Amino acid sequence: NVVPRIGVLRPDSARSAIREMFLRHVIGGKRLSASAE
């Protein structure tokens, strides 16, 4: 949870998950390059 309680922001876990999805779908989605490289 990014806000486990009021006044607290914990971004690290969500940032890691967003990066995972970026690599899987934006970079791995062949929108920019057809090469696996």
All heavy atoms as atom14 arrays in JSON, in Angstrom:
{
  "sequence": "NVVPRIGVLRPDSARSAIREMFLRHVIGGKRLSASAE",
  "atom14_mask": [
    [1, 1, 1, 1, 1, 1, 1, 1, 0, 0, 0, 0, 0, 0],
    [1, 1, 1, 1, 1, 1, 1, 0, 0, 0, 0, 0, 0, 0],
    [1, 1, 1, 1, 1, 1, 1, 0, 0, 0, 0, 0, 0, 0],
    [1, 1, 1, 1, 1, 1, 1, 0, 0, 0, 0, 0, 0, 0],
    [1, 1, 1, 1, 1, 1, 1, 1, 1, 1, 1, 0, 0, 0],
    [1, 1, 1, 1, 1, 1, 1, 1, 0, 0, 0, 0, 0, 0],
    [1, 1, 1, 1, 0, 0, 0, 0, 0, 0, 0, 0, 0, 0],
    [1, 1, 1, 1, 1, 1, 1, 0, 0, 0, 0, 0, 0, 0],
    [1, 1, 1, 1, 1, 1, 1, 1, 0, 0, 0, 0, 0, 0],
    [1, 1, 1, 1, 1, 1, 1, 1, 1, 1, 1, 0, 0, 0],
    [1, 1, 1, 1, 1, 1, 1, 0, 0, 0, 0, 0, 0, 0],
    [1, 1, 1, 1, 1, 1, 1, 1, 0, 0, 0, 0, 0, 0],
    [1, 1, 1, 1, 1, 1, 0, 0, 0, 0, 0, 0, 0, 0],
    [1, 1, 1, 1, 1, 0, 0, 0, 0, 0, 0, 0, 0, 0],
    [1, 1, 1, 1, 1, 1, 1, 1, 1, 1, 1, 0, 0, 0],
    [1, 1, 1, 1, 1, 1, 0, 0, 0, 0, 0, 0, 0, 0],
    [1, 1, 1, 1, 1, 0, 0, 0, 0, 0, 0, 0, 0, 0],
    [1, 1, 1, 1, 1, 1, 1, 1, 0, 0, 0, 0, 0, 0],
    [1, 1, 1, 1, 1, 1, 1, 1, 1, 1, 1, 0, 0, 0],
    [1, 1, 1, 1, 1, 1, 1, 1, 1, 0, 0, 0, 0, 0],
    [1, 1, 1, 1, 1, 1, 1, 1, 0, 0, 0, 0, 0, 0],
    [1, 1, 1, 1, 1, 1, 1, 1, 1, 1, 1, 0, 0, 0],
    [1, 1, 1, 1, 1, 1, 1, 1, 0, 0, 0, 0, 0, 0],
    [1, 1, 1, 1, 1, 1, 1, 1, 1, 1, 1, 0, 0, 0],
    [1, 1, 1, 1, 1, 1, 1, 1, 1, 1, 0, 0, 0, 0],
    [1, 1, 1, 1, 1, 1, 1, 0, 0, 0, 0, 0, 0, 0],
    [1, 1, 1, 1, 1, 1, 1, 1, 0, 0, 0, 0, 0, 0],
    [1, 1, 1, 1, 0, 0, 0, 0, 0, 0, 0, 0, 0, 0],
    [1, 1, 1, 1, 0, 0, 0, 0, 0, 0, 0, 0, 0, 0],
    [1, 1, 1, 1, 1, 1, 1, 1, 1, 0, 0, 0, 0, 0],
    [1, 1, 1, 1, 1, 1, 1, 1, 1, 1, 1, 0, 0, 0],
    [1, 1, 1, 1, 1, 1, 1, 1, 0, 0, 0, 0, 0, 0],
    [1, 1, 1, 1, 1, 1, 0, 0, 0, 0, 0, 0, 0, 0],
    [1, 1, 1, 1, 1, 0, 0, 0, 0, 0, 0, 0, 0, 0],
    [1, 1, 1, 1, 1, 1, 0, 0, 0, 0, 0, 0, 0, 0],
    [1, 1, 1, 1, 1, 0, 0, 0, 0, 0, 0, 0, 0, 0],
    [1, 1, 1, 1, 1, 1, 1, 1, 1, 0, 0, 0, 0, 0]
  ],
  "atom14_positions": [
    [[0.84, -1.2, 0.0], [0.0, 0.0, 0.0], [0.87, 1.25, 0.0], [1.78, 1.39, 0.83], [-0.91, -0.01, 1.23], [-2.01, 1.03, 1.16], [-2.05, 1.86, 0.24], [-2.92, 0.99, 2.12], [0.0, 0.0, 0.0], [0.0, 0.0, 0.0], [0.0, 0.0, 0.0], [0.0, 0.0, 0.0], [0.0, 0.0, 0.0], [0.0, 0.0, 0.0]],
    [[0.61, 2.18, -0.93], [1.41, 3.41, -0.98], [1.09, 4.34, 0.19], [1.91, 5.17, 0.58], [1.22, 4.15, -2.32], [1.74, 3.32, -3.47], [-0.24, 4.54, -2.55], [0.0, 0.0, 0.0], [0.0, 0.0, 0.0], [0.0, 0.0, 0.0], [0.0, 0.0, 0.0], [0.0, 0.0, 0.0], [0.0, 0.0, 0.0], [0.0, 0.0, 0.0]],
    [[-0.13, 4.22, 0.76], [-0.5, 5.02, 1.93], [-1.04, 4.08, 3.01], [-2.25, 3.94, 3.17], [-1.55, 6.1, 1.59], [-1.83, 6.99, 2.82], [-1.07, 6.98, 0.44], [0.0, 0.0, 0.0], [0.0, 0.0, 0.0], [0.0, 0.0, 0.0], [0.0, 0.0, 0.0], [0.0, 0.0, 0.0], [0.0, 0.0, 0.0], [0.0, 0.0, 0.0]],
    [[-0.16, 3.4, 3.73], [-0.65, 2.46, 4.75], [-1.4, 3.15, 5.88], [-2.27, 2.56, 6.51], [0.63, 1.8, 5.26], [1.73, 2.76, 4.93], [1.31, 3.43, 3.66], [0.0, 0.0, 0.0], [0.0, 0.0, 0.0], [0.0, 0.0, 0.0], [0.0, 0.0, 0.0], [0.0, 0.0, 0.0], [0.0, 0.0, 0.0], [0.0, 0.0, 0.0]],
    [[-1.05, 4.42, 6.12], [-1.81, 5.23, 7.08], [-1.64, 6.69, 6.69], [-0.71, 7.05, 5.96], [-1.34, 4.99, 8.52], [0.09, 5.4, 8.82], [0.44, 5.08, 10.28], [1.76, 5.6, 10.65], [2.91, 4.99, 10.43], [2.9, 3.81, 9.81], [4.04, 5.52, 10.81], [0.0, 0.0, 0.0], [0.0, 0.0, 0.0], [0.0, 0.0, 0.0]],
    [[-2.55, 7.52, 7.16], [-2.52, 8.94, 6.81], [-1.2, 9.57, 7.25], [-0.73, 9.35, 8.37], [-3.71, 9.69, 7.46], [-5.03, 9.17, 6.88], [-3.58, 11.19, 7.22], [-5.19, 9.42, 5.41], [0.0, 0.0, 0.0], [0.0, 0.0, 0.0], [0.0, 0.0, 0.0], [0.0, 0.0, 0.0], [0.0, 0.0, 0.0], [0.0, 0.0, 0.0]],
    [[-0.6, 10.34, 6.37], [0.66, 11.01, 6.69], [1.88, 10.21, 6.33], [3.0, 10.66, 6.54], [0.0, 0.0, 0.0], [0.0, 0.0, 0.0], [0.0, 0.0, 0.0], [0.0, 0.0, 0.0], [0.0, 0.0, 0.0], [0.0, 0.0, 0.0], [0.0, 0.0, 0.0], [0.0, 0.0, 0.0], [0.0, 0.0, 0.0], [0.0, 0.0, 0.0]],
    [[1.71, 9.01, 5.75], [2.83, 8.15, 5.39], [2.73, 7.8, 3.91], [1.66, 7.41, 3.43], [2.84, 6.85, 6.23], [3.94, 5.91, 5.75], [3.02, 7.19, 7.71], [0.0, 0.0, 0.0], [0.0, 0.0, 0.0], [0.0, 0.0, 0.0], [0.0, 0.0, 0.0], [0.0, 0.0, 0.0], [0.0, 0.0, 0.0], [0.0, 0.0, 0.0]],
    [[3.82, 7.93, 3.18], [3.89, 7.55, 1.78], [5.03, 6.56, 1.6], [6.18, 6.87, 1.91], [4.11, 8.77, 0.89], [4.28, 8.5, -0.62], [3.03, 7.83, -1.18], [4.57, 9.8, -1.36], [0.0, 0.0, 0.0], [0.0, 0.0, 0.0], [0.0, 0.0, 0.0], [0.0, 0.0, 0.0], [0.0, 0.0, 0.0], [0.0, 0.0, 0.0]],
    [[4.71, 5.35, 1.13], [5.71, 4.31, 0.91], [5.69, 3.9, -0.56], [4.9, 3.04, -0.97], [5.44, 3.11, 1.81], [5.69, 3.43, 3.28], [5.49, 2.25, 4.18], [5.77, 2.58, 5.57], [5.35, 1.87, 6.61], [4.65, 0.77, 6.4], [5.64, 2.25, 7.84], [0.0, 0.0, 0.0], [0.0, 0.0, 0.0], [0.0, 0.0, 0.0]],
    [[6.56, 4.49, -1.37], [6.48, 4.3, -2.82], [7.28, 3.13, -3.38], [7.05, 2.72, -4.52], [7.05, 5.62, -3.35], [8.07, 6.02, -2.32], [7.51, 5.55, -0.99], [0.0, 0.0, 0.0], [0.0, 0.0, 0.0], [0.0, 0.0, 0.0], [0.0, 0.0, 0.0], [0.0, 0.0, 0.0], [0.0, 0.0, 0.0], [0.0, 0.0, 0.0]],
    [[8.25, 2.59, -2.64], [9.26, 1.72, -3.23], [8.67, 0.46, -3.86], [9.04, 0.07, -4.98], [10.31, 1.33, -2.19], [11.18, 2.51, -1.8], [11.12, 3.55, -2.49], [11.9, 2.41, -0.78], [0.0, 0.0, 0.0], [0.0, 0.0, 0.0], [0.0, 0.0, 0.0], [0.0, 0.0, 0.0], [0.0, 0.0, 0.0], [0.0, 0.0, 0.0]],
    [[7.76, -0.21, -3.18], [7.2, -1.45, -3.7], [6.4, -1.18, -4.98], [6.52, -1.92, -5.98], [6.31, -2.11, -2.66], [5.71, -3.29, -3.16], [0.0, 0.0, 0.0], [0.0, 0.0, 0.0], [0.0, 0.0, 0.0], [0.0, 0.0, 0.0], [0.0, 0.0, 0.0], [0.0, 0.0, 0.0], [0.0, 0.0, 0.0], [0.0, 0.0, 0.0]],
    [[5.62, -0.12, -4.99], [4.84, 0.21, -6.18], [5.74, 0.63, -7.33], [5.48, 0.3, -8.49], [3.84, 1.33, -5.85], [0.0, 0.0, 0.0], [0.0, 0.0, 0.0], [0.0, 0.0, 0.0], [0.0, 0.0, 0.0], [0.0, 0.0, 0.0], [0.0, 0.0, 0.0], [0.0, 0.0, 0.0], [0.0, 0.0, 0.0], [0.0, 0.0, 0.0]],
    [[6.81, 1.35, -7.03], [7.76, 1.74, -8.08], [8.37, 0.51, -8.74], [8.5, 0.46, -9.97], [8.87, 2.62, -7.5], [8.45, 4.04, -7.16], [9.63, 4.86, -6.7], [10.63, 5.01, -7.76], [11.83, 5.53, -7.57], [12.19, 5.94, -6.37], [12.67, 5.64, -8.58], [0.0, 0.0, 0.0], [0.0, 0.0, 0.0], [0.0, 0.0, 0.0]],
    [[8.73, -0.48, -7.95], [9.29, -1.71, -8.51], [8.28, -2.43, -9.39], [8.62, -2.95, -10.46], [9.76, -2.64, -7.39], [10.82, -2.06, -6.65], [0.0, 0.0, 0.0], [0.0, 0.0, 0.0], [0.0, 0.0, 0.0], [0.0, 0.0, 0.0], [0.0, 0.0, 0.0], [0.0, 0.0, 0.0], [0.0, 0.0, 0.0], [0.0, 0.0, 0.0]],
    [[7.03, -2.46, -8.95], [5.99, -3.13, -9.73], [5.73, -2.39, -11.04], [5.51, -3.01, -12.09], [4.71, -3.22, -8.91], [0.0, 0.0, 0.0], [0.0, 0.0, 0.0], [0.0, 0.0, 0.0], [0.0, 0.0, 0.0], [0.0, 0.0, 0.0], [0.0, 0.0, 0.0], [0.0, 0.0, 0.0], [0.0, 0.0, 0.0], [0.0, 0.0, 0.0]],
    [[5.73, -1.06, -11.01], [5.52, -0.28, -12.22], [6.67, -0.51, -13.2], [6.45, -0.66, -14.42], [5.39, 1.22, -11.87], [4.06, 1.47, -11.15], [5.49, 2.09, -13.12], [3.93, 2.85, -10.55], [0.0, 0.0, 0.0], [0.0, 0.0, 0.0], [0.0, 0.0, 0.0], [0.0, 0.0, 0.0], [0.0, 0.0, 0.0], [0.0, 0.0, 0.0]],
    [[7.89, -0.57, -12.69], [9.03, -0.83, -13.58], [8.89, -2.22, -14.21], [9.18, -2.39, -15.4], [10.35, -0.75, -12.81], [11.57, -0.97, -13.7], [12.87, -0.97, -12.94], [13.26, 0.34, -12.49], [14.49, 0.67, -12.08], [15.44, -0.26, -12.1], [14.77, 1.86, -11.67], [0.0, 0.0, 0.0], [0.0, 0.0, 0.0], [0.0, 0.0, 0.0]],
    [[8.46, -3.2, -13.44], [8.25, -4.55, -13.99], [7.25, -4.51, -15.14], [7.47, -5.12, -16.2], [7.73, -5.47, -12.88], [7.35, -6.86, -13.34], [6.67, -7.68, -12.25], [6.9, -7.39, -11.05], [5.88, -8.58, -12.61], [0.0, 0.0, 0.0], [0.0, 0.0, 0.0], [0.0, 0.0, 0.0], [0.0, 0.0, 0.0], [0.0, 0.0, 0.0]],
    [[6.15, -3.78, -14.97], [5.14, -3.7, -16.01], [5.65, -2.91, -17.22], [5.32, -3.22, -18.37], [3.87, -3.07, -15.46], [3.11, -3.96, -14.49], [2.65, -5.56, -15.25], [1.47, -6.17, -14.06], [0.0, 0.0, 0.0], [0.0, 0.0, 0.0], [0.0, 0.0, 0.0], [0.0, 0.0, 0.0], [0.0, 0.0, 0.0], [0.0, 0.0, 0.0]],
    [[6.46, -1.89, -16.98], [7.05, -1.12, -18.07], [7.91, -2.03, -18.95], [7.81, -2.0, -20.19], [7.89, 0.02, -17.5], [8.74, 0.74, -18.52], [8.19, 1.65, -19.39], [10.1, 0.49, -18.59], [8.98, 2.32, -20.32], [10.91, 1.14, -19.52], [10.33, 2.06, -20.39], [0.0, 0.0, 0.0], [0.0, 0.0, 0.0], [0.0, 0.0, 0.0]],
    [[8.75, -2.81, -18.33], [9.63, -3.7, -19.09], [8.84, -4.77, -19.83], [9.14, -5.12, -20.97], [10.66, -4.34, -18.16], [11.66, -3.38, -17.52], [12.53, -4.13, -16.51], [12.53, -2.72, -18.57], [0.0, 0.0, 0.0], [0.0, 0.0, 0.0], [0.0, 0.0, 0.0], [0.0, 0.0, 0.0], [0.0, 0.0, 0.0], [0.0, 0.0, 0.0]],
    [[7.81, -5.28, -19.19], [7.05, -6.38, -19.77], [6.18, -5.91, -20.94], [6.07, -6.58, -21.97], [6.19, -7.04, -18.71], [5.5, -8.32, -19.21], [4.45, -8.83, -18.23], [4.97, -9.0, -16.88], [4.19, -9.28, -15.83], [2.88, -9.41, -16.0], [4.72, -9.42, -14.63], [0.0, 0.0, 0.0], [0.0, 0.0, 0.0], [0.0, 0.0, 0.0]],
    [[5.54, -4.76, -20.79], [4.53, -4.35, -21.76], [5.0, -3.25, -22.72], [4.7, -3.32, -23.91], [3.26, -3.89, -21.03], [2.54, -5.01, -20.35], [1.57, -5.76, -20.96], [2.68, -5.51, -19.09], [1.13, -6.68, -20.11], [1.78, -6.55, -18.97], [0.0, 0.0, 0.0], [0.0, 0.0, 0.0], [0.0, 0.0, 0.0], [0.0, 0.0, 0.0]],
    [[5.68, -2.23, -22.22], [6.1, -1.14, -23.09], [7.34, -1.54, -23.88], [7.38, -1.41, -25.11], [6.38, 0.15, -22.29], [6.86, 1.26, -23.21], [5.11, 0.58, -21.55], [0.0, 0.0, 0.0], [0.0, 0.0, 0.0], [0.0, 0.0, 0.0], [0.0, 0.0, 0.0], [0.0, 0.0, 0.0], [0.0, 0.0, 0.0], [0.0, 0.0, 0.0]],
    [[8.35, -2.06, -23.18], [9.57, -2.46, -23.86], [9.41, -3.82, -24.51], [9.85, -4.05, -25.64], [10.75, -2.48, -22.87], [10.95, -1.09, -22.26], [12.03, -2.95, -23.56], [11.17, 0.01, -23.28], [0.0, 0.0, 0.0], [0.0, 0.0, 0.0], [0.0, 0.0, 0.0], [0.0, 0.0, 0.0], [0.0, 0.0, 0.0], [0.0, 0.0, 0.0]],
    [[8.77, -4.74, -23.85], [8.59, -6.08, -24.4], [7.44, -6.21, -25.37], [7.25, -7.26, -25.98], [0.0, 0.0, 0.0], [0.0, 0.0, 0.0], [0.0, 0.0, 0.0], [0.0, 0.0, 0.0], [0.0, 0.0, 0.0], [0.0, 0.0, 0.0], [0.0, 0.0, 0.0], [0.0, 0.0, 0.0], [0.0, 0.0, 0.0], [0.0, 0.0, 0.0]],
    [[6.66, -5.14, -25.54], [5.47, -5.23, -26.39], [5.73, -5.02, -27.87], [4.79, -4.95, -28.65], [0.0, 0.0, 0.0], [0.0, 0.0, 0.0], [0.0, 0.0, 0.0], [0.0, 0.0, 0.0], [0.0, 0.0, 0.0], [0.0, 0.0, 0.0], [0.0, 0.0, 0.0], [0.0, 0.0, 0.0], [0.0, 0.0, 0.0], [0.0, 0.0, 0.0]],
    [[7.01, -4.86, -28.27], [7.4, -4.71, -29.67], [6.82, -3.45, -30.31], [6.74, -3.34, -31.54], [7.01, -5.95, -30.49], [7.72, -7.22, -30.03], [7.45, -8.4, -30.95], [8.22, -9.64, -30.48], [7.98, -10.8, -31.32], [0.0, 0.0, 0.0], [0.0, 0.0, 0.0], [0.0, 0.0, 0.0], [0.0, 0.0, 0.0], [0.0, 0.0, 0.0]],
    [[6.43, -2.48, -29.48], [5.93, -1.23, -30.04], [7.07, -0.39, -30.61], [6.89, 0.35, -31.56], [5.2, -0.44, -28.93], [4.5, 0.81, -29.4], [3.78, 1.47, -28.26], [4.7, 2.24, -27.43], [4.37, 2.77, -26.24], [3.17, 2.53, -25.74], [5.23, 3.48, -25.55], [0.0, 0.0, 0.0], [0.0, 0.0, 0.0], [0.0, 0.0, 0.0]],
    [[8.25, -0.53, -30.01], [9.38, 0.3, -30.39], [10.4, -0.46, -31.22], [11.12, 0.13, -32.03], [10.05, 0.86, -29.14], [9.15, 1.7, -28.23], [9.89, 2.08, -26.96], [8.69, 2.95, -28.95], [0.0, 0.0, 0.0], [0.0, 0.0, 0.0], [0.0, 0.0, 0.0], [0.0, 0.0, 0.0], [0.0, 0.0, 0.0], [0.0, 0.0, 0.0]],
    [[10.51, -1.74, -31.0], [11.49, -2.54, -31.74], [10.98, -3.98, -31.87], [10.39, -4.52, -30.93], [12.85, -2.55, -31.02], [13.77, -3.4, -31.67], [0.0, 0.0, 0.0], [0.0, 0.0, 0.0], [0.0, 0.0, 0.0], [0.0, 0.0, 0.0], [0.0, 0.0, 0.0], [0.0, 0.0, 0.0], [0.0, 0.0, 0.0], [0.0, 0.0, 0.0]],
    [[11.23, -4.56, -33.02], [10.85, -5.96, -33.24], [11.91, -6.93, -32.72], [11.7, -8.13, -32.71], [10.61, -6.2, -34.73], [0.0, 0.0, 0.0], [0.0, 0.0, 0.0], [0.0, 0.0, 0.0], [0.0, 0.0, 0.0], [0.0, 0.0, 0.0], [0.0, 0.0, 0.0], [0.0, 0.0, 0.0], [0.0, 0.0, 0.0], [0.0, 0.0, 0.0]],
    [[13.04, -6.38, -32.27], [14.15, -7.23, -31.86], [14.12, -7.49, -30.36], [13.89, -6.57, -29.56], [15.48, -6.56, -32.23], [16.57, -7.27, -31.68], [0.0, 0.0, 0.0], [0.0, 0.0, 0.0], [0.0, 0.0, 0.0], [0.0, 0.0, 0.0], [0.0, 0.0, 0.0], [0.0, 0.0, 0.0], [0.0, 0.0, 0.0], [0.0, 0.0, 0.0]],
    [[14.4, -8.72, -29.98], [14.49, -9.06, -28.56], [15.7, -8.4, -27.91], [15.76, -8.29, -26.68], [14.59, -10.58, -28.41], [0.0, 0.0, 0.0], [0.0, 0.0, 0.0], [0.0, 0.0, 0.0], [0.0, 0.0, 0.0], [0.0, 0.0, 0.0], [0.0, 0.0, 0.0], [0.0, 0.0, 0.0], [0.0, 0.0, 0.0], [0.0, 0.0, 0.0]],
    [[16.65, -7.93, -28.71], [17.83, -7.26, -28.18], [17.45, -6.01, -27.4], [18.06, -5.68, -26.39], [18.77, -6.89, -29.33], [20.08, -6.23, -28.87], [20.96, -5.83, -30.03], [20.6, -6.13, -31.19], [22.01, -5.2, -29.78], [0.0, 0.0, 0.0], [0.0, 0.0, 0.0], [0.0, 0.0, 0.0], [0.0, 0.0, 0.0], [0.0, 0.0, 0.0]]
  ]
}
